[in-house]
Amino acid sequence: MIIMQLQHQIENLFAQPPQEKYGDEHFAAFNALKAELNAGRVRAAEKIGNDWRVNAWVKKGILLGFRIGALQDLSVNENFRFYDKSTYPLKAIAINDGVRIVPGGSSIRDGCYLGRGVTCMPPMYVNAGAYVDAGTMIDSHVLVGSCAQIGRRVHLSAAAQIGGVLEPVGSLPVIIEDDVLVGGNCGIYEGTLVRQGAVIGAGVILTGSTPVYDLAKDAIYRKTAERPLEIPANAVVVPGTRPITQGRGRELGLSIYAPIIVKYRDEKTDRSTQLEDLLR
């Protein structure tokens, strides 16, 4: 009931036109939403059965926070100057939360959830609205974008970029399910859904306009108007190319980038050994 009331408040306040000055009701509702996001009790998207559903009202609340916040001096000292919205300071994390944050240049914005056992290697960044479940590794130079949903025991390798999707409010964010390994220098954007246990090899880029070629099942996966680009469970994806078959590109013998599923993980095989072998 409390969550339903909060949803109703957020949607009503979001529908109002921008104002010169915002009242206590705006900040009270937004702060209540942030508390729920920080605790992981509400999420920008949630799994219902085998499908994911976006909670547009949560995204509206996050956007409302940007609207009502004023630019504030958040500098550490005169040599480390930072200015951001007053509604989005850094997330308060205590040692009892069980999150490991290695010193050195990382930022975790207020209004996101980090489960117990999450490890943050510097420098890395987690944006508002994100959900990072227990036991996940966020390696150096990783971005976890606004509203991105990251499952349990995921490994986001160095320099992986996980886009968010805050707008449009009705669009699914990027979703990485449990036990996924995302290799170094990967980019996963535009609401892509990576199912449980998949391995995304180093350098793979997945976007809404990127078809993925499945050699193991002789299939091609694309984003549609109704469904996001979806990487199947336990798929092993590596970077590849496909030839241009018409026009000047064909005459020049050119190819364009294409992610390729080369096999599927055998769940009976030891995972840690298999992951190392797959990505060598």
Protein backbone atom coordinates (compact mmCIF):
# COMPACT_ATOMS: atom_id res chain seq x y z
CA MET A 1 0.00 0.00 0.00
CA ILE A 2 2.82 2.42 0.86
CA ILE A 3 4.50 1.76 -2.50
CA MET A 4 1.21 2.28 -4.34
CA GLN A 5 0.71 5.61 -2.57
CA LEU A 6 4.27 6.65 -3.45
CA GLN A 7 3.68 5.70 -7.07
CA HIS A 8 0.53 7.81 -7.17
CA GLN A 9 2.37 10.80 -5.66
CA ILE A 10 5.31 10.52 -8.07
CA GLU A 11 3.09 10.27 -11.13
CA ASN A 12 1.02 13.27 -10.08
CA LEU A 13 4.07 15.43 -9.34
CA PHE A 14 5.82 14.39 -12.55
CA ALA A 15 2.77 15.38 -14.59
CA GLN A 16 2.90 18.93 -13.25
CA PRO A 17 4.69 21.52 -15.41
CA PRO A 18 8.13 22.73 -14.26
CA GLN A 19 7.96 25.32 -11.50
CA GLU A 20 10.18 28.13 -10.35
CA LYS A 21 10.19 26.77 -6.82
CA TYR A 22 9.27 23.30 -5.61
CA GLY A 23 7.44 22.56 -2.40
CA ASP A 24 8.04 20.12 0.42
CA GLU A 25 5.75 17.55 -1.17
CA HIS A 26 8.13 17.20 -4.14
CA PHE A 27 11.19 16.60 -2.00
CA ALA A 28 9.35 14.31 0.42
CA ALA A 29 8.11 12.07 -2.39
CA PHE A 30 11.47 12.02 -4.15
CA ASN A 31 13.38 11.26 -0.95
CA ALA A 32 10.95 8.45 -0.18
CA LEU A 33 11.59 7.00 -3.64
CA LYS A 34 15.36 7.25 -3.17
CA ALA A 35 15.09 5.40 0.13
CA GLU A 36 13.22 2.58 -1.61
CA LEU A 37 15.75 2.48 -4.46
CA ASN A 38 18.67 2.45 -2.03
CA ALA A 39 17.11 -0.47 -0.15
CA GLY A 40 16.27 -2.37 -3.33
CA ARG A 41 12.58 -2.49 -2.48
CA VAL A 42 11.57 -0.79 -5.73
CA ARG A 43 13.34 -1.12 -9.07
CA ALA A 44 13.21 0.55 -12.47
CA ALA A 45 12.45 -2.88 -13.95
CA GLU A 46 11.49 -6.22 -12.43
CA LYS A 47 11.19 -9.80 -13.59
CA ILE A 48 7.69 -11.25 -13.77
CA GLY A 49 7.90 -14.95 -14.60
CA ASN A 50 10.41 -15.07 -17.44
CA ASP A 51 9.66 -11.58 -18.71
CA TRP A 52 10.94 -8.19 -17.58
CA ARG A 53 8.60 -5.26 -16.98
CA VAL A 54 9.61 -1.62 -16.79
CA ASN A 55 8.30 0.44 -13.86
CA ALA A 56 7.82 3.72 -15.66
CA TRP A 57 6.77 5.53 -12.48
CA VAL A 58 10.18 4.84 -10.93
CA LYS A 59 11.88 6.41 -13.93
CA LYS A 60 9.55 9.38 -13.64
CA GLY A 61 10.61 9.76 -10.03
CA ILE A 62 14.29 9.71 -10.95
CA LEU A 63 13.69 12.37 -13.60
CA LEU A 64 11.67 14.38 -11.08
CA GLY A 65 14.76 14.42 -8.85
CA PHE A 66 16.77 16.10 -11.59
CA ARG A 67 13.99 18.61 -12.17
CA ILE A 68 13.66 19.73 -8.55
CA GLY A 69 17.36 19.65 -7.63
CA ALA A 70 19.52 22.77 -7.60
CA LEU A 71 23.17 22.88 -8.60
CA GLN A 72 25.24 22.42 -5.45
CA ASP A 73 28.92 22.61 -4.57
CA LEU A 74 29.94 19.05 -3.73
CA SER A 75 33.69 19.70 -3.80
CA VAL A 76 36.04 17.64 -1.63
CA ASN A 77 38.39 20.62 -1.30
CA GLU A 78 39.72 23.48 -3.44
CA ASN A 79 41.68 21.04 -5.60
CA PHE A 80 38.83 18.56 -6.17
CA ARG A 81 35.87 20.58 -7.40
CA PHE A 82 32.52 18.91 -8.09
CA TYR A 83 29.13 20.46 -8.81
CA ASP A 84 25.95 18.42 -9.16
CA LYS A 85 22.26 18.40 -8.39
CA SER A 86 21.51 18.71 -4.69
CA THR A 87 19.10 15.79 -5.00
CA TYR A 88 21.84 13.39 -6.15
CA PRO A 89 24.77 13.32 -3.71
CA LEU A 90 26.95 10.23 -3.36
CA LYS A 91 25.28 7.17 -1.90
CA ALA A 92 25.83 6.65 1.83
CA ILE A 93 27.40 3.21 2.33
CA ALA A 94 28.32 1.76 5.72
CA ILE A 95 30.72 -1.09 6.47
CA ASN A 96 27.80 -3.23 7.66
CA ASP A 97 26.32 -3.10 4.15
CA GLY A 98 28.98 -5.60 3.10
CA VAL A 99 29.97 -3.74 -0.06
CA ARG A 100 33.69 -3.61 -0.85
CA ILE A 101 34.79 -0.27 -2.33
CA VAL A 102 38.50 -0.23 -3.07
CA PRO A 103 39.98 3.29 -2.63
CA GLY A 104 40.60 5.42 -5.68
CA GLY A 105 38.35 7.49 -7.89
CA SER A 106 35.00 5.67 -7.87
CA SER A 107 31.55 7.26 -7.59
CA ILE A 108 28.25 5.65 -6.61
CA ARG A 109 25.28 7.96 -6.92
CA ASP A 110 22.48 8.07 -4.39
CA GLY A 111 19.33 6.20 -5.38
CA CYS A 112 20.88 2.91 -6.49
CA TYR A 113 21.08 -0.53 -4.87
CA LEU A 114 24.24 -2.53 -4.21
CA GLY A 115 23.80 -6.02 -2.74
CA ARG A 116 26.04 -7.66 -0.17
CA GLY A 117 29.33 -8.88 -1.51
CA VAL A 118 29.45 -6.42 -4.42
CA THR A 119 33.05 -5.41 -5.17
CA CYS A 120 33.87 -2.04 -6.72
CA MET A 121 37.34 -1.66 -8.22
CA PRO A 122 38.56 1.88 -8.94
CA PRO A 123 37.72 3.84 -10.92
CA MET A 124 34.12 2.87 -11.61
CA TYR A 125 30.70 4.55 -11.64
CA VAL A 126 27.18 3.47 -10.74
CA ASN A 127 24.37 5.85 -11.66
CA ALA A 128 21.03 6.54 -10.00
CA GLY A 129 18.31 3.94 -10.45
CA ALA A 130 20.74 1.07 -11.04
CA TYR A 131 20.32 -2.26 -9.23
CA VAL A 132 23.42 -4.40 -8.66
CA ASP A 133 22.70 -7.69 -6.94
CA ALA A 134 24.78 -9.65 -4.44
CA GLY A 135 28.22 -11.00 -5.23
CA THR A 136 28.76 -8.99 -8.42
CA MET A 137 32.19 -7.66 -9.41
CA ILE A 138 32.36 -4.16 -10.92
CA ASP A 139 35.88 -3.92 -12.29
CA SER A 140 37.97 -0.84 -13.09
CA HIS A 141 36.63 1.70 -15.60
CA VAL A 142 33.17 0.11 -15.62
CA LEU A 143 30.03 2.22 -16.07
CA VAL A 144 26.71 0.94 -14.74
CA GLY A 145 24.23 3.32 -16.31
CA SER A 146 21.06 4.82 -14.87
CA CYS A 147 18.37 2.16 -14.20
CA ALA A 148 20.55 -0.74 -15.43
CA GLN A 149 19.63 -4.02 -13.73
CA ILE A 150 22.55 -6.31 -12.87
CA GLY A 151 21.99 -9.78 -11.40
CA ARG A 152 23.83 -11.91 -8.84
CA ARG A 153 27.40 -13.06 -9.28
CA VAL A 154 27.86 -11.07 -12.49
CA HIS A 155 31.41 -10.13 -13.51
CA LEU A 156 31.65 -6.80 -15.29
CA SER A 157 35.23 -6.86 -16.56
CA ALA A 158 37.49 -3.84 -16.92
CA ALA A 159 36.17 -0.99 -19.10
CA ALA A 160 32.78 -2.63 -19.73
CA GLN A 161 30.07 -0.06 -20.42
CA ILE A 162 26.56 -1.00 -19.32
CA GLY A 163 24.15 1.59 -20.63
CA GLY A 164 21.05 2.49 -18.72
CA VAL A 165 17.98 3.88 -20.54
CA LEU A 166 16.31 6.46 -18.32
CA GLU A 167 14.28 7.87 -21.22
CA PRO A 168 11.84 7.10 -22.71
CA VAL A 169 10.32 6.16 -19.35
CA GLY A 170 8.43 3.26 -20.91
CA SER A 171 11.53 1.56 -22.34
CA LEU A 172 13.33 -1.29 -20.61
CA PRO A 173 16.82 -0.48 -19.34
CA VAL A 174 19.79 -2.74 -19.99
CA ILE A 175 19.33 -5.97 -18.03
CA ILE A 176 22.10 -8.44 -17.17
CA GLU A 177 20.76 -11.55 -15.44
CA ASP A 178 22.53 -13.78 -12.89
CA ASP A 179 25.93 -15.42 -13.46
CA VAL A 180 26.75 -13.49 -16.64
CA LEU A 181 30.35 -12.69 -17.51
CA VAL A 182 30.83 -9.46 -19.46
CA GLY A 183 34.34 -9.29 -20.92
CA GLY A 184 36.64 -6.30 -21.01
CA ASN A 185 35.83 -3.33 -23.25
CA CYS A 186 32.29 -4.54 -23.95
CA GLY A 187 29.41 -2.16 -24.58
CA ILE A 188 25.84 -3.21 -23.83
CA TYR A 189 23.28 -0.53 -24.64
CA GLU A 190 19.70 0.40 -25.60
CA GLY A 191 17.75 -1.97 -23.40
CA THR A 192 19.56 -5.16 -24.39
CA LEU A 193 18.60 -8.17 -22.25
CA VAL A 194 21.39 -10.66 -21.47
CA ARG A 195 19.98 -13.86 -20.04
CA GLN A 196 21.39 -15.92 -17.19
CA GLY A 197 24.80 -17.52 -17.55
CA ALA A 198 25.73 -15.90 -20.87
CA VAL A 199 29.35 -15.05 -21.65
CA ILE A 200 29.91 -11.80 -23.54
CA GLY A 201 33.46 -11.98 -24.90
CA ALA A 202 35.89 -9.08 -24.72
CA GLY A 203 35.13 -6.28 -27.16
CA VAL A 204 31.54 -7.27 -27.99
CA ILE A 205 29.14 -4.38 -28.63
CA LEU A 206 25.40 -4.99 -28.31
CA THR A 207 22.88 -2.31 -29.29
CA GLY A 208 19.28 -2.11 -30.40
CA SER A 209 20.36 -1.98 -34.05
CA THR A 210 22.88 -4.85 -33.83
CA PRO A 211 21.72 -8.24 -35.15
CA VAL A 212 23.34 -11.17 -33.34
CA TYR A 213 24.14 -14.32 -35.37
CA ASP A 214 23.71 -17.64 -33.57
CA LEU A 215 25.87 -20.25 -35.31
CA ALA A 216 24.95 -22.94 -32.79
CA LYS A 217 21.18 -22.66 -33.43
CA ASP A 218 21.25 -21.15 -36.93
CA ALA A 219 19.25 -18.11 -35.83
CA ILE A 220 19.48 -14.31 -35.94
CA TYR A 221 18.38 -12.18 -32.97
CA ARG A 222 17.19 -8.59 -33.38
CA LYS A 223 15.37 -5.95 -31.38
CA THR A 224 11.73 -5.53 -32.42
CA ALA A 225 9.06 -2.96 -31.61
CA GLU A 226 7.76 -5.29 -28.89
CA ARG A 227 10.92 -6.98 -27.63
CA PRO A 228 14.49 -5.91 -26.81
CA LEU A 229 17.56 -7.52 -28.29
CA GLU A 230 17.88 -10.69 -26.19
CA ILE A 231 20.96 -12.84 -25.72
CA PRO A 232 19.88 -16.38 -24.79
CA ALA A 233 20.86 -18.03 -21.51
CA ASN A 234 24.36 -19.58 -21.50
CA ALA A 235 25.21 -18.22 -24.95
CA VAL A 236 28.87 -17.45 -25.66
CA VAL A 237 29.10 -14.27 -27.76
CA VAL A 238 32.28 -13.10 -29.51
CA PRO A 239 33.01 -10.21 -31.89
CA GLY A 240 32.83 -11.04 -35.58
CA THR A 241 32.14 -9.58 -39.02
CA ARG A 242 29.81 -10.18 -41.93
CA PRO A 243 30.42 -9.17 -45.55
CA ILE A 244 28.59 -6.32 -47.23
CA THR A 245 26.67 -7.98 -50.05
CA GLN A 246 25.71 -5.04 -52.24
CA GLY A 247 26.87 -1.69 -53.59
CA ARG A 248 30.28 -0.14 -53.21
CA GLY A 249 30.95 -2.03 -49.99
CA ARG A 250 30.72 -5.32 -51.86
CA GLU A 251 32.98 -4.03 -54.64
CA LEU A 252 35.62 -3.10 -52.09
CA GLY A 253 35.31 -6.39 -50.24
CA LEU A 254 34.31 -4.70 -46.99
CA SER A 255 32.70 -6.26 -43.94
CA ILE A 256 30.81 -4.79 -40.98
CA TYR A 257 30.80 -5.71 -37.32
CA ALA A 258 28.59 -8.60 -36.19
CA PRO A 259 28.41 -10.27 -32.76
CA ILE A 260 28.35 -14.06 -33.09
CA ILE A 261 27.16 -16.80 -30.73
CA VAL A 262 29.70 -19.55 -31.25
CA LYS A 263 28.47 -22.06 -28.62
CA TYR A 264 26.53 -22.50 -25.40
CA ARG A 265 27.97 -23.16 -21.97
CA ASP A 266 27.71 -26.66 -20.57
CA GLU A 267 26.35 -26.16 -17.05
CA LYS A 268 27.98 -29.45 -15.91
CA THR A 269 31.40 -28.01 -16.62
CA ASP A 270 33.25 -26.15 -13.90
CA ARG A 271 32.31 -22.53 -14.49
CA SER A 272 35.46 -20.78 -13.42
CA THR A 273 37.68 -22.95 -15.63
CA GLN A 274 35.30 -22.76 -18.55
CA LEU A 275 35.01 -18.98 -18.46
CA GLU A 276 38.77 -18.56 -18.55
CA ASP A 277 39.07 -20.96 -21.49
CA LEU A 278 36.24 -19.31 -23.43
CA LEU A 279 37.72 -15.84 -23.22
CA ARG A 280 41.38 -16.66 -24.00
